[in-house]
């Protein structure tokens, strides 16, 4: 298992500075964010550490040479939009850019691109399904042809009442994964597994690991604190941020010794990347770097 981090938390650094930091702190790898250049209205989104628009073989060679010099690998290319957005222009941009990530991954010799399935939160699962099939059938066929795996994160993307009732990512539960993998049985379609989302959704974060062992392409390390007094007061139908806080590993409800042991027992031996979305570590670049250092120190003993 390789310990790394997702680069979004170091948004104000350039690619080489991110890799330098990873090398200095003893990380094995980094999941590199590859959003299209421009503004984003979502926290931790819109980060471009590698611009894959017009990405060439020469760009890939320079990127890989720098990583090799520093002894840090790229675990995957990451981009987390909504390819099933009810805004069809937004969805088209997302779908086209996922293809660019697949092409860039090939040039870089990488086998994984991480993203979201997406969701039209104004519709039911069944009403979303035809569009899911229409959108993801060609994307997955393209990824398989190119030899690239698509790792879908399991965050529901339900953090504001505007996203009620079902969030902006359809792939939020094992029941839905089964249906998706039955629809598209290709082994190039799998998971970027994040345990924290199970916790706030009141689900067992260990149970799916054995069933979906062959679909675990990449893993995120993010913790979460659930305020049970607040949950008792507002209930699970309240906006989730009313009763939980994302936090760094070791400062929340997850037993990381237990979780890493379960990951290993499932046969997972891939990239395990810290994702920092902790409001207690947002007071500047040095504080965000410290969040990564603390997270690494906590997790390294188990890996």
C-alpha atoms as a PDB file:
ATOM      1  CA  UNK A   1       0.000   0.000   0.000  1.00  0.00           C
ATOM      2  CA  UNK A   2       1.337   3.433  -0.975  1.00  0.00           C
ATOM      3  CA  UNK A   3       0.582   6.410   1.286  1.00  0.00           C
ATOM      4  CA  UNK A   4      -0.095   9.698  -0.464  1.00  0.00           C
ATOM      5  CA  UNK A   5      -2.457  12.652  -0.552  1.00  0.00           C
ATOM      6  CA  UNK A   6      -4.922  14.359  -2.853  1.00  0.00           C
ATOM      7  CA  UNK A   7      -3.409  17.578  -4.172  1.00  0.00           C
ATOM      8  CA  UNK A   8      -6.524  19.795  -3.883  1.00  0.00           C
ATOM      9  CA  UNK A   9      -5.562  20.944  -0.371  1.00  0.00           C
ATOM     10  CA  UNK A  10      -2.395  22.557  -1.808  1.00  0.00           C
ATOM     11  CA  UNK A  11      -4.284  24.537  -4.437  1.00  0.00           C
ATOM     12  CA  UNK A  12      -2.006  27.558  -4.161  1.00  0.00           C
ATOM     13  CA  UNK A  13       1.112  25.553  -5.081  1.00  0.00           C
ATOM     14  CA  UNK A  14       2.234  24.551  -8.549  1.00  0.00           C
ATOM     15  CA  UNK A  15       2.684  20.933  -9.615  1.00  0.00           C
ATOM     16  CA  UNK A  16       6.413  20.834  -8.929  1.00  0.00           C
ATOM     17  CA  UNK A  17       5.939  22.457  -5.504  1.00  0.00           C
ATOM     18  CA  UNK A  18       3.339  19.804  -4.630  1.00  0.00           C
ATOM     19  CA  UNK A  19       5.700  16.990  -5.613  1.00  0.00           C
ATOM     20  CA  UNK A  20       8.560  18.678  -3.734  1.00  0.00           C
ATOM     21  CA  UNK A  21       6.446  18.806  -0.576  1.00  0.00           C
ATOM     22  CA  UNK A  22       5.459  15.149  -0.982  1.00  0.00           C
ATOM     23  CA  UNK A  23       9.106  14.137  -1.314  1.00  0.00           C
ATOM     24  CA  UNK A  24      10.215  16.201   1.683  1.00  0.00           C
ATOM     25  CA  UNK A  25       7.526  14.681   3.895  1.00  0.00           C
ATOM     26  CA  UNK A  26       8.069  11.065   2.831  1.00  0.00           C
ATOM     27  CA  UNK A  27       4.885  10.489   0.855  1.00  0.00           C
ATOM     28  CA  UNK A  28       4.938   7.758  -1.781  1.00  0.00           C
ATOM     29  CA  UNK A  29       2.436   9.298  -4.192  1.00  0.00           C
ATOM     30  CA  UNK A  30       0.004  12.119  -4.959  1.00  0.00           C
ATOM     31  CA  UNK A  31      -3.421  12.076  -6.597  1.00  0.00           C
ATOM     32  CA  UNK A  32      -3.124  15.040  -8.949  1.00  0.00           C
ATOM     33  CA  UNK A  33      -6.092  17.326  -9.508  1.00  0.00           C
ATOM     34  CA  UNK A  34      -6.798  18.104 -13.159  1.00  0.00           C
ATOM     35  CA  UNK A  35      -9.818  20.388 -13.323  1.00  0.00           C
ATOM     36  CA  UNK A  36     -10.256  22.578 -16.401  1.00  0.00           C
ATOM     37  CA  UNK A  37      -8.706  25.957 -15.731  1.00  0.00           C
ATOM     38  CA  UNK A  38     -11.205  28.483 -14.393  1.00  0.00           C
ATOM     39  CA  UNK A  39     -13.327  29.346 -11.395  1.00  0.00           C
ATOM     40  CA  UNK A  40     -15.284  26.869  -9.276  1.00  0.00           C
ATOM     41  CA  UNK A  41     -18.154  27.572  -6.901  1.00  0.00           C
ATOM     42  CA  UNK A  42     -17.374  24.517  -4.760  1.00  0.00           C
ATOM     43  CA  UNK A  43     -14.821  24.265  -2.004  1.00  0.00           C
ATOM     44  CA  UNK A  44     -11.793  22.080  -2.852  1.00  0.00           C
ATOM     45  CA  UNK A  45     -12.839  22.005  -6.534  1.00  0.00           C
ATOM     46  CA  UNK A  46     -11.414  23.752  -9.567  1.00  0.00           C
ATOM     47  CA  UNK A  47      -7.801  22.859  -8.740  1.00  0.00           C
ATOM     48  CA  UNK A  48      -5.481  22.402 -11.736  1.00  0.00           C
ATOM     49  CA  UNK A  49      -2.114  20.910 -10.866  1.00  0.00           C
ATOM     50  CA  UNK A  50      -1.832  19.361 -14.312  1.00  0.00           C
ATOM     51  CA  UNK A  51      -3.628  20.999 -17.230  1.00  0.00           C
ATOM     52  CA  UNK A  52      -4.616  18.066 -19.441  1.00  0.00           C
ATOM     53  CA  UNK A  53      -6.091  20.260 -22.171  1.00  0.00           C
ATOM     54  CA  UNK A  54      -3.677  19.898 -25.072  1.00  0.00           C
ATOM     55  CA  UNK A  55      -1.460  17.618 -22.959  1.00  0.00           C
ATOM     56  CA  UNK A  56       1.315  16.136 -25.097  1.00  0.00           C
ATOM     57  CA  UNK A  57       3.836  13.318 -24.949  1.00  0.00           C
ATOM     58  CA  UNK A  58       6.533  15.898 -24.229  1.00  0.00           C
ATOM     59  CA  UNK A  59       4.467  17.250 -21.316  1.00  0.00           C
ATOM     60  CA  UNK A  60       4.131  13.734 -19.971  1.00  0.00           C
ATOM     61  CA  UNK A  61       7.843  13.043 -20.279  1.00  0.00           C
ATOM     62  CA  UNK A  62       8.719  16.229 -18.353  1.00  0.00           C
ATOM     63  CA  UNK A  63       6.162  15.410 -15.670  1.00  0.00           C
ATOM     64  CA  UNK A  64       7.372  11.851 -15.218  1.00  0.00           C
ATOM     65  CA  UNK A  65      11.037  12.882 -15.187  1.00  0.00           C
ATOM     66  CA  UNK A  66      10.397  15.349 -12.370  1.00  0.00           C
ATOM     67  CA  UNK A  67       8.446  12.765 -10.347  1.00  0.00           C
ATOM     68  CA  UNK A  68      11.194  10.184 -10.849  1.00  0.00           C
ATOM     69  CA  UNK A  69      13.826  12.689  -9.721  1.00  0.00           C
ATOM     70  CA  UNK A  70      11.860  13.312  -6.508  1.00  0.00           C
ATOM     71  CA  UNK A  71      10.883   9.676  -5.918  1.00  0.00           C
ATOM     72  CA  UNK A  72       7.151  10.432  -5.826  1.00  0.00           C
ATOM     73  CA  UNK A  73       4.592   8.683  -8.033  1.00  0.00           C
ATOM     74  CA  UNK A  74       1.306   9.991  -9.391  1.00  0.00           C
ATOM     75  CA  UNK A  75      -1.327   7.621  -8.027  1.00  0.00           C
ATOM     76  CA  UNK A  76      -4.122   8.820 -10.322  1.00  0.00           C
ATOM     77  CA  UNK A  77      -5.508  11.858 -12.096  1.00  0.00           C
ATOM     78  CA  UNK A  78      -8.490  13.351 -10.255  1.00  0.00           C
ATOM     79  CA  UNK A  79     -11.470  15.417 -11.415  1.00  0.00           C
ATOM     80  CA  UNK A  80     -14.795  15.428  -9.550  1.00  0.00           C
ATOM     81  CA  UNK A  81     -17.562  17.172 -11.544  1.00  0.00           C
ATOM     82  CA  UNK A  82     -21.204  16.241 -12.254  1.00  0.00           C
ATOM     83  CA  UNK A  83     -21.451  14.506 -15.648  1.00  0.00           C
ATOM     84  CA  UNK A  84     -25.204  13.972 -15.081  1.00  0.00           C
ATOM     85  CA  UNK A  85     -25.985  17.564 -14.153  1.00  0.00           C
ATOM     86  CA  UNK A  86     -29.416  18.878 -15.223  1.00  0.00           C
ATOM     87  CA  UNK A  87     -27.415  21.721 -16.776  1.00  0.00           C
ATOM     88  CA  UNK A  88     -26.592  19.951 -20.027  1.00  0.00           C
ATOM     89  CA  UNK A  89     -23.749  22.312 -20.892  1.00  0.00           C
ATOM     90  CA  UNK A  90     -22.092  21.634 -17.533  1.00  0.00           C
ATOM     91  CA  UNK A  91     -22.531  17.897 -18.065  1.00  0.00           C
ATOM     92  CA  UNK A  92     -21.045  18.047 -21.557  1.00  0.00           C
ATOM     93  CA  UNK A  93     -17.974  19.935 -20.295  1.00  0.00           C
ATOM     94  CA  UNK A  94     -17.478  17.325 -17.553  1.00  0.00           C
ATOM     95  CA  UNK A  95     -17.822  14.379 -19.917  1.00  0.00           C
ATOM     96  CA  UNK A  96     -15.407  15.840 -22.464  1.00  0.00           C
ATOM     97  CA  UNK A  97     -12.840  16.618 -19.792  1.00  0.00           C
ATOM     98  CA  UNK A  98     -12.989  13.095 -18.331  1.00  0.00           C
ATOM     99  CA  UNK A  99     -11.953  11.886 -21.800  1.00  0.00           C
ATOM    100  CA  UNK A 100      -9.004  14.278 -21.687  1.00  0.00           C
ATOM    101  CA  UNK A 101      -7.950  12.804 -18.339  1.00  0.00           C
ATOM    102  CA  UNK A 102      -8.091   9.313 -19.825  1.00  0.00           C
ATOM    103  CA  UNK A 103      -5.850  10.431 -22.713  1.00  0.00           C
ATOM    104  CA  UNK A 104      -3.421  12.144 -20.330  1.00  0.00           C
ATOM    105  CA  UNK A 105      -3.297   9.056 -18.109  1.00  0.00           C
ATOM    106  CA  UNK A 106      -2.241   6.979 -21.122  1.00  0.00           C
ATOM    107  CA  UNK A 107       0.575   9.399 -21.930  1.00  0.00           C
ATOM    108  CA  UNK A 108       1.709   9.302 -18.290  1.00  0.00           C
ATOM    109  CA  UNK A 109       1.574   5.519 -18.096  1.00  0.00           C
ATOM    110  CA  UNK A 110      -1.095   5.675 -15.379  1.00  0.00           C
ATOM    111  CA  UNK A 111      -3.905   3.180 -15.050  1.00  0.00           C
ATOM    112  CA  UNK A 112      -6.443   5.164 -12.970  1.00  0.00           C
ATOM    113  CA  UNK A 113      -8.628   8.253 -13.323  1.00  0.00           C
ATOM    114  CA  UNK A 114     -10.786   9.216 -10.337  1.00  0.00           C
ATOM    115  CA  UNK A 115     -14.083  11.068 -10.684  1.00  0.00           C
ATOM    116  CA  UNK A 116     -17.819  11.123  -9.843  1.00  0.00           C
ATOM    117  CA  UNK A 117     -20.608   9.368 -11.731  1.00  0.00           C
ATOM    118  CA  UNK A 118     -22.757  12.469 -11.232  1.00  0.00           C
ATOM    119  CA  UNK A 119     -26.481  12.773 -10.578  1.00  0.00           C
ATOM    120  CA  UNK A 120     -29.508  14.904 -11.422  1.00  0.00           C
ATOM    121  CA  UNK A 121     -30.622  15.477  -7.839  1.00  0.00           C
ATOM    122  CA  UNK A 122     -34.087  16.617  -8.961  1.00  0.00           C
ATOM    123  CA  UNK A 123     -34.912  13.101 -10.198  1.00  0.00           C
ATOM    124  CA  UNK A 124     -35.170   9.607  -8.726  1.00  0.00           C
ATOM    125  CA  UNK A 125     -32.545   6.906  -9.224  1.00  0.00           C
ATOM    126  CA  UNK A 126     -34.704   5.183 -11.848  1.00  0.00           C
ATOM    127  CA  UNK A 127     -35.291   8.467 -13.682  1.00  0.00           C
ATOM    128  CA  UNK A 128     -31.505   9.102 -13.692  1.00  0.00           C
ATOM    129  CA  UNK A 129     -30.670   5.638 -14.953  1.00  0.00           C
ATOM    130  CA  UNK A 130     -31.190   6.042 -18.723  1.00  0.00           C
ATOM    131  CA  UNK A 131     -28.951   9.097 -18.748  1.00  0.00           C
ATOM    132  CA  UNK A 132     -26.357   7.336 -16.594  1.00  0.00           C
ATOM    133  CA  UNK A 133     -26.236   4.530 -19.165  1.00  0.00           C
ATOM    134  CA  UNK A 134     -26.159   6.952 -22.106  1.00  0.00           C
ATOM    135  CA  UNK A 135     -23.310   8.992 -20.577  1.00  0.00           C
ATOM    136  CA  UNK A 136     -21.176   6.302 -19.021  1.00  0.00           C
ATOM    137  CA  UNK A 137     -21.479   3.599 -21.676  1.00  0.00           C
ATOM    138  CA  UNK A 138     -19.261   5.502 -24.159  1.00  0.00           C
ATOM    139  CA  UNK A 139     -16.941   6.823 -21.418  1.00  0.00           C
ATOM    140  CA  UNK A 140     -16.284   3.357 -20.020  1.00  0.00           C
ATOM    141  CA  UNK A 141     -15.860   1.868 -23.491  1.00  0.00           C
ATOM    142  CA  UNK A 142     -13.278   4.576 -24.207  1.00  0.00           C
ATOM    143  CA  UNK A 143     -11.481   3.962 -20.906  1.00  0.00           C
ATOM    144  CA  UNK A 144     -11.389   0.208 -21.502  1.00  0.00           C
ATOM    145  CA  UNK A 145     -10.047   0.707 -25.032  1.00  0.00           C
ATOM    146  CA  UNK A 146      -7.288   2.920 -23.610  1.00  0.00           C
ATOM    147  CA  UNK A 147      -6.507   0.543 -20.724  1.00  0.00           C
ATOM    148  CA  UNK A 148      -7.498   3.045 -18.024  1.00  0.00           C
ATOM    149  CA  UNK A 149      -9.583   2.288 -14.940  1.00  0.00           C
ATOM    150  CA  UNK A 150     -12.258   4.710 -13.734  1.00  0.00           C
ATOM    151  CA  UNK A 151     -12.403   4.981  -9.934  1.00  0.00           C
ATOM    152  CA  UNK A 152     -15.690   6.461  -8.721  1.00  0.00           C
ATOM    153  CA  UNK A 153     -15.745   8.113  -5.292  1.00  0.00           C
ATOM    154  CA  UNK A 154     -18.738   7.275  -3.096  1.00  0.00           C
ATOM    155  CA  UNK A 155     -19.494  10.768  -1.779  1.00  0.00           C
ATOM    156  CA  UNK A 156     -23.203  11.599  -2.146  1.00  0.00           C
ATOM    157  CA  UNK A 157     -22.330  15.267  -2.775  1.00  0.00           C
ATOM    158  CA  UNK A 158     -25.256  16.352  -0.623  1.00  0.00           C
ATOM    159  CA  UNK A 159     -24.064  19.325   1.409  1.00  0.00           C
ATOM    160  CA  UNK A 160     -26.633  22.058   0.772  1.00  0.00           C
ATOM    161  CA  UNK A 161     -30.407  22.068   0.651  1.00  0.00           C
ATOM    162  CA  UNK A 162     -30.127  22.935  -3.049  1.00  0.00           C
ATOM    163  CA  UNK A 163     -28.892  19.353  -3.539  1.00  0.00           C
ATOM    164  CA  UNK A 164     -31.830  17.756  -1.706  1.00  0.00           C
ATOM    165  CA  UNK A 165     -32.923  14.995  -1.752  1.00  0.00           C
ATOM    166  CA  UNK A 166     -30.220  12.852  -3.344  1.00  0.00           C
ATOM    167  CA  UNK A 167     -27.056  14.862  -3.917  1.00  0.00           C
ATOM    168  CA  UNK A 168     -24.952  15.173  -7.041  1.00  0.00           C
ATOM    169  CA  UNK A 169     -23.340  11.711  -7.164  1.00  0.00           C
ATOM    170  CA  UNK A 170     -25.426   8.631  -7.861  1.00  0.00           C
ATOM    171  CA  UNK A 171     -22.754   6.120  -6.752  1.00  0.00           C
ATOM    172  CA  UNK A 172     -23.355   6.607  -3.054  1.00  0.00           C
ATOM    173  CA  UNK A 173     -24.186   3.125  -1.728  1.00  0.00           C
ATOM    174  CA  UNK A 174     -23.353  -0.563  -2.198  1.00  0.00           C
ATOM    175  CA  UNK A 175     -26.867  -1.215  -3.535  1.00  0.00           C
ATOM    176  CA  UNK A 176     -26.274   1.318  -6.302  1.00  0.00           C
ATOM    177  CA  UNK A 177     -22.766  -0.006  -6.998  1.00  0.00           C
ATOM    178  CA  UNK A 178     -24.190  -3.478  -7.580  1.00  0.00           C
ATOM    179  CA  UNK A 179     -26.677  -2.084 -10.059  1.00  0.00           C
ATOM    180  CA  UNK A 180     -23.989  -0.036 -11.831  1.00  0.00           C
ATOM    181  CA  UNK A 181     -21.527  -2.908 -12.065  1.00  0.00           C
ATOM    182  CA  UNK A 182     -24.293  -5.205 -13.357  1.00  0.00           C
ATOM    183  CA  UNK A 183     -25.074  -2.580 -16.012  1.00  0.00           C
ATOM    184  CA  UNK A 184     -21.386  -2.179 -16.899  1.00  0.00           C
ATOM    185  CA  UNK A 185     -19.476  -5.335 -15.880  1.00  0.00           C
ATOM    186  CA  UNK A 186     -16.195  -4.093 -17.378  1.00  0.00           C
ATOM    187  CA  UNK A 187     -13.303  -4.445 -14.958  1.00  0.00           C
ATOM    188  CA  UNK A 188     -12.281  -0.880 -15.847  1.00  0.00           C
ATOM    189  CA  UNK A 189     -15.162   0.475 -13.725  1.00  0.00           C
ATOM    190  CA  UNK A 190     -14.597   0.536  -9.969  1.00  0.00           C
ATOM    191  CA  UNK A 191     -14.219   2.570  -6.802  1.00  0.00           C
ATOM    192  CA  UNK A 192     -12.134   5.285  -5.247  1.00  0.00           C
ATOM    193  CA  UNK A 193     -13.206   4.235  -1.757  1.00  0.00           C
ATOM    194  CA  UNK A 194     -13.704   6.861   0.981  1.00  0.00           C
ATOM    195  CA  UNK A 195     -14.845   5.554   4.385  1.00  0.00           C
ATOM    196  CA  UNK A 196     -15.872   8.943   5.774  1.00  0.00           C
ATOM    197  CA  UNK A 197     -19.031   9.182   3.674  1.00  0.00           C
ATOM    198  CA  UNK A 198     -20.369   5.925   5.114  1.00  0.00           C
ATOM    199  CA  UNK A 199     -20.042   7.291   8.631  1.00  0.00           C
ATOM    200  CA  UNK A 200     -22.272  10.349   8.189  1.00  0.00           C
ATOM    201  CA  UNK A 201     -24.766   8.284   6.181  1.00  0.00           C
ATOM    202  CA  UNK A 202     -24.986   5.871   9.160  1.00  0.00           C
ATOM    203  CA  UNK A 203     -23.559   2.929   7.175  1.00  0.00           C
ATOM    204  CA  UNK A 204     -20.925   0.291   7.912  1.00  0.00           C
ATOM    205  CA  UNK A 205     -17.710   1.440   6.223  1.00  0.00           C
ATOM    206  CA  UNK A 206     -15.982  -1.954   6.565  1.00  0.00           C
ATOM    207  CA  UNK A 207     -18.684  -4.284   5.261  1.00  0.00           C
ATOM    208  CA  UNK A 208     -18.406  -3.465   1.513  1.00  0.00           C
ATOM    209  CA  UNK A 209     -14.641  -4.051   1.350  1.00  0.00           C
ATOM    210  CA  UNK A 210     -14.833  -7.810   0.913  1.00  0.00           C
ATOM    211  CA  UNK A 211     -17.756  -7.825  -1.542  1.00  0.00           C
ATOM    212  CA  UNK A 212     -16.207  -5.151  -3.775  1.00  0.00           C
ATOM    213  CA  UNK A 213     -12.560  -6.155  -3.319  1.00  0.00           C
ATOM    214  CA  UNK A 214     -12.005  -6.520  -7.060  1.00  0.00           C
ATOM    215  CA  UNK A 215     -13.417  -3.012  -7.648  1.00  0.00           C
ATOM    216  CA  UNK A 216     -11.124  -1.151  -5.227  1.00  0.00           C
ATOM    217  CA  UNK A 217      -8.899   0.851  -7.571  1.00  0.00           C
ATOM    218  CA  UNK A 218      -7.843   3.676  -5.239  1.00  0.00           C
ATOM    219  CA  UNK A 219      -8.629   4.804  -1.677  1.00  0.00           C
ATOM    220  CA  UNK A 220      -9.053   8.104   0.130  1.00  0.00           C
ATOM    221  CA  UNK A 221      -8.177   8.633   3.786  1.00  0.00           C
ATOM    222  CA  UNK A 222     -10.558  11.152   5.323  1.00  0.00           C
ATOM    223  CA  UNK A 223     -12.140  11.099   8.772  1.00  0.00           C
ATOM    224  CA  UNK A 224     -15.423  12.507  10.063  1.00  0.00           C
ATOM    225  CA  UNK A 225     -16.992  13.516  13.377  1.00  0.00           C
ATOM    226  CA  UNK A 226     -20.718  12.921  13.843  1.00  0.00           C
ATOM    227  CA  UNK A 227     -22.433  15.063  16.472  1.00  0.00           C
ATOM    228  CA  UNK A 228     -24.933  12.520  17.787  1.00  0.00           C
ATOM    229  CA  UNK A 229     -26.698  15.013  20.029  1.00  0.00           C
ATOM    230  CA  UNK A 230     -27.276  17.238  17.024  1.00  0.00           C
ATOM    231  CA  UNK A 231     -28.302  14.246  14.885  1.00  0.00           C
ATOM    232  CA  UNK A 232     -30.855  13.253  17.537  1.00  0.00           C
ATOM    233  CA  UNK A 233     -32.246  16.777  17.274  1.00  0.00           C
ATOM    234  CA  UNK A 234     -32.385  17.324  13.493  1.00  0.00           C
ATOM    235  CA  UNK A 235     -32.454  13.769  12.088  1.00  0.00           C
ATOM    236  CA  UNK A 236     -30.874  12.292   8.963  1.00  0.00           C
ATOM    237  CA  UNK A 237     -33.106  14.279   6.615  1.00  0.00           C
ATOM    238  CA  UNK A 238     -31.444  17.513   7.681  1.00  0.00           C
ATOM    239  CA  UNK A 239     -28.609  18.898   5.592  1.00  0.00           C
ATOM    240  CA  UNK A 240     -25.671  16.591   6.517  1.00  0.00           C
ATOM    241  CA  UNK A 241     -23.373  19.451   7.500  1.00  0.00           C
ATOM    242  CA  UNK A 242     -25.813  20.211  10.319  1.00  0.00           C
ATOM    243  CA  UNK A 243     -24.666  17.084  12.164  1.00  0.00           C
ATOM    244  CA  UNK A 244     -21.204  16.130  10.912  1.00  0.00           C
ATOM    245  CA  UNK A 245     -17.770  17.613  10.213  1.00  0.00           C
ATOM    246  CA  UNK A 246     -15.113  16.179   7.873  1.00  0.00           C
ATOM    247  CA  UNK A 247     -11.735  16.015   9.623  1.00  0.00           C
ATOM    248  CA  UNK A 248      -8.228  14.632   9.251  1.00  0.00           C
ATOM    249  CA  UNK A 249      -7.483  10.976  10.063  1.00  0.00           C
ATOM    250  CA  UNK A 250      -7.105  10.431  13.795  1.00  0.00           C
ATOM    251  CA  UNK A 251      -9.388  13.290  14.816  1.00  0.00           C
ATOM    252  CA  UNK A 252     -12.744  11.694  14.019  1.00  0.00           C
ATOM    253  CA  UNK A 253     -14.858   8.585  14.489  1.00  0.00           C
ATOM    254  CA  UNK A 254     -12.959   6.115  12.287  1.00  0.00           C
ATOM    255  CA  UNK A 255     -10.696   3.505  13.889  1.00  0.00           C
ATOM    256  CA  UNK A 256      -7.874   3.648  11.346  1.00  0.00           C
ATOM    257  CA  UNK A 257      -6.047   0.576  12.649  1.00  0.00           C
ATOM    258  CA  UNK A 258      -9.234  -1.427  12.101  1.00  0.00           C
ATOM    259  CA  UNK A 259      -9.949   0.159   8.731  1.00  0.00           C
ATOM    260  CA  UNK A 260      -6.451  -0.276   7.273  1.00  0.00           C
ATOM    261  CA  UNK A 261      -6.438  -3.892   8.477  1.00  0.00           C
ATOM    262  CA  UNK A 262      -9.755  -4.444   6.680  1.00  0.00           C
ATOM    263  CA  UNK A 263      -8.385  -2.826   3.520  1.00  0.00           C
ATOM    264  CA  UNK A 264      -5.367  -5.124   3.626  1.00  0.00           C
ATOM    265  CA  UNK A 265      -7.582  -8.158   4.296  1.00  0.00           C
ATOM    266  CA  UNK A 266      -9.569  -7.315   1.151  1.00  0.00           C
ATOM    267  CA  UNK A 267      -6.334  -7.578  -0.838  1.00  0.00           C
ATOM    268  CA  UNK A 268      -6.040  -3.857  -1.508  1.00  0.00           C
ATOM    269  CA  UNK A 269      -2.425  -2.840  -2.090  1.00  0.00           C
ATOM    270  CA  UNK A 270      -2.848   0.378  -4.043  1.00  0.00           C
ATOM    271  CA  UNK A 271      -2.714   4.102  -3.380  1.00  0.00           C
ATOM    272  CA  UNK A 272      -4.126   5.328  -0.075  1.00  0.00           C
ATOM    273  CA  UNK A 273      -4.378   9.107  -0.381  1.00  0.00           C
ATOM    274  CA  UNK A 274      -5.165  11.544   2.433  1.00  0.00           C
ATOM    275  CA  UNK A 275      -7.933  13.984   1.530  1.00  0.00           C
ATOM    276  CA  UNK A 276      -8.011  17.085   3.741  1.00  0.00           C
ATOM    277  CA  UNK A 277     -11.383  18.839   4.056  1.00  0.00           C
ATOM    278  CA  UNK A 278     -11.062  19.920   7.685  1.00  0.00           C
ATOM    279  CA  UNK A 279     -12.184  23.437   8.626  1.00  0.00           C
ATOM    280  CA  UNK A 280      -9.770  23.406  11.582  1.00  0.00           C
ATOM    281  CA  UNK A 281      -6.845  23.371   9.127  1.00  0.00           C
ATOM    282  CA  UNK A 282      -7.870  26.073   6.664  1.00  0.00           C
ATOM    283  CA  UNK A 283      -6.032  29.058   8.118  1.00  0.00           C
ATOM    284  CA  UNK A 284      -3.275  29.234   5.528  1.00  0.00           C
ATOM    285  CA  UNK A 285      -0.865  27.110   3.534  1.00  0.00           C
ATOM    286  CA  UNK A 286       1.305  26.131   6.503  1.00  0.00           C
ATOM    287  CA  UNK A 287      -1.737  24.962   8.467  1.00  0.00           C
ATOM    288  CA  UNK A 288      -2.883  22.843   5.524  1.00  0.00           C
ATOM    289  CA  UNK A 289       0.593  21.352   5.194  1.00  0.00           C
ATOM    290  CA  UNK A 290       0.481  20.547   8.912  1.00  0.00           C
ATOM    291  CA  UNK A 291      -2.817  18.704   8.350  1.00  0.00           C
ATOM    292  CA  UNK A 292      -1.057  16.458   5.838  1.00  0.00           C
ATOM    293  CA  UNK A 293       1.884  15.900   8.192  1.00  0.00           C
ATOM    294  CA  UNK A 294      -0.378  14.980  11.105  1.00  0.00           C
ATOM    295  CA  UNK A 295      -2.461  12.687   8.913  1.00  0.00           C
ATOM    296  CA  UNK A 296       0.631  10.924   7.600  1.00  0.00           C
ATOM    297  CA  UNK A 297       2.031  10.433  11.105  1.00  0.00           C
ATOM    298  CA  UNK A 298      -1.250   8.888  12.259  1.00  0.00           C
ATOM    299  CA  UNK A 299      -1.678   6.549   9.282  1.00  0.00           C
ATOM    300  CA  UNK A 300       1.934   5.492   8.678  1.00  0.00           C
ATOM    301  CA  UNK A 301       2.033   3.259  11.743  1.00  0.00           C
ATOM    302  CA  UNK A 302      -0.809   1.118  10.361  1.00  0.00           C
ATOM    303  CA  UNK A 303       0.526   0.913   6.812  1.00  0.00           C
END
